[in-house]
Amino acid sequence: MRYLAQLLVPALIVVVVVYLLANTKRGQDETRDSSSSSDNGTFVLILVVGATVAVLAFFVMQALLNG
């Protein structure tokens, strides 16, 4: 179970990042706006998602190992 979680967490981060980048690219193609605000927002969102997943994975692993 531990190894599954160790593989699943990075895989989920990659899937979310790819989805967000594809979604941002599609939005930029439709609007043809070259502002960097959406790039900054996407970057911050990726950081928040990655940090949240890392913290949750830490707590889950601690719960599995201790109990």
Protein backbone atom coordinates (compact mmCIF):
# COMPACT_ATOMS: atom_id res chain seq x y z
CA MET A 1 0.00 0.00 0.00
CA ARG A 2 2.86 2.34 0.81
CA TYR A 3 4.46 1.86 -2.60
CA LEU A 4 1.14 2.42 -4.32
CA ALA A 5 0.75 5.75 -2.53
CA GLN A 6 4.32 6.71 -3.40
CA LEU A 7 3.57 6.16 -7.07
CA LEU A 8 0.06 7.55 -7.03
CA VAL A 9 0.90 10.94 -5.51
CA PRO A 10 3.42 12.02 -8.19
CA ALA A 11 1.18 10.60 -10.91
CA LEU A 12 -1.75 12.69 -9.69
CA ILE A 13 0.42 15.80 -9.56
CA VAL A 14 1.54 15.23 -13.15
CA VAL A 15 -2.04 14.64 -14.33
CA VAL A 16 -3.27 17.83 -12.65
CA VAL A 17 -0.40 19.88 -14.06
CA VAL A 18 -0.98 18.57 -17.59
CA TYR A 19 -4.71 19.24 -17.29
CA LEU A 20 -4.15 22.79 -16.05
CA LEU A 21 -1.60 23.55 -18.75
CA ALA A 22 -3.88 22.19 -21.48
CA ASN A 23 -6.80 24.17 -20.08
CA THR A 24 -4.71 27.35 -19.94
CA LYS A 25 -3.38 26.81 -23.46
CA ARG A 26 -6.88 26.31 -24.80
CA GLY A 27 -8.04 29.51 -23.08
CA GLN A 28 -5.11 31.47 -24.49
CA ASP A 29 -5.79 30.19 -27.98
CA GLU A 30 -9.40 31.37 -27.77
CA THR A 31 -8.62 34.85 -26.45
CA ARG A 32 -5.19 35.45 -28.05
CA ASP A 33 -4.31 37.54 -24.99
CA SER A 34 -0.64 37.56 -24.03
CA SER A 35 -1.08 38.76 -20.45
CA SER A 36 0.99 36.97 -17.86
CA SER A 37 -1.65 37.05 -15.13
CA SER A 38 -3.04 33.66 -16.12
CA ASP A 39 0.49 32.22 -16.19
CA ASN A 40 1.10 33.47 -12.68
CA GLY A 41 -2.25 32.15 -11.52
CA THR A 42 -1.56 28.74 -13.03
CA PHE A 43 1.88 28.62 -11.43
CA VAL A 44 0.47 29.47 -8.00
CA LEU A 45 -2.32 26.94 -8.44
CA ILE A 46 0.19 24.22 -9.33
CA LEU A 47 2.23 25.07 -6.24
CA VAL A 48 -0.83 24.98 -4.01
CA VAL A 49 -2.03 21.66 -5.43
CA GLY A 50 1.42 20.12 -5.10
CA ALA A 51 1.85 21.33 -1.54
CA THR A 52 -1.60 20.11 -0.55
CA VAL A 53 -1.00 16.68 -2.02
CA ALA A 54 2.39 16.44 -0.32
CA VAL A 55 0.98 17.37 3.09
CA LEU A 56 -1.98 15.01 2.74
CA ALA A 57 0.33 12.20 1.61
CA PHE A 58 2.52 12.79 4.66
CA PHE A 59 -0.45 12.51 7.03
CA VAL A 60 -1.80 9.43 5.26
CA MET A 61 1.57 7.71 5.37
CA GLN A 62 1.95 8.50 9.07
CA ALA A 63 -1.52 7.12 9.79
CA LEU A 64 -0.79 3.95 7.86
CA LEU A 65 2.57 3.37 9.50
CA ASN A 66 1.40 4.08 13.06
CA GLY A 67 -1.92 2.33 13.00
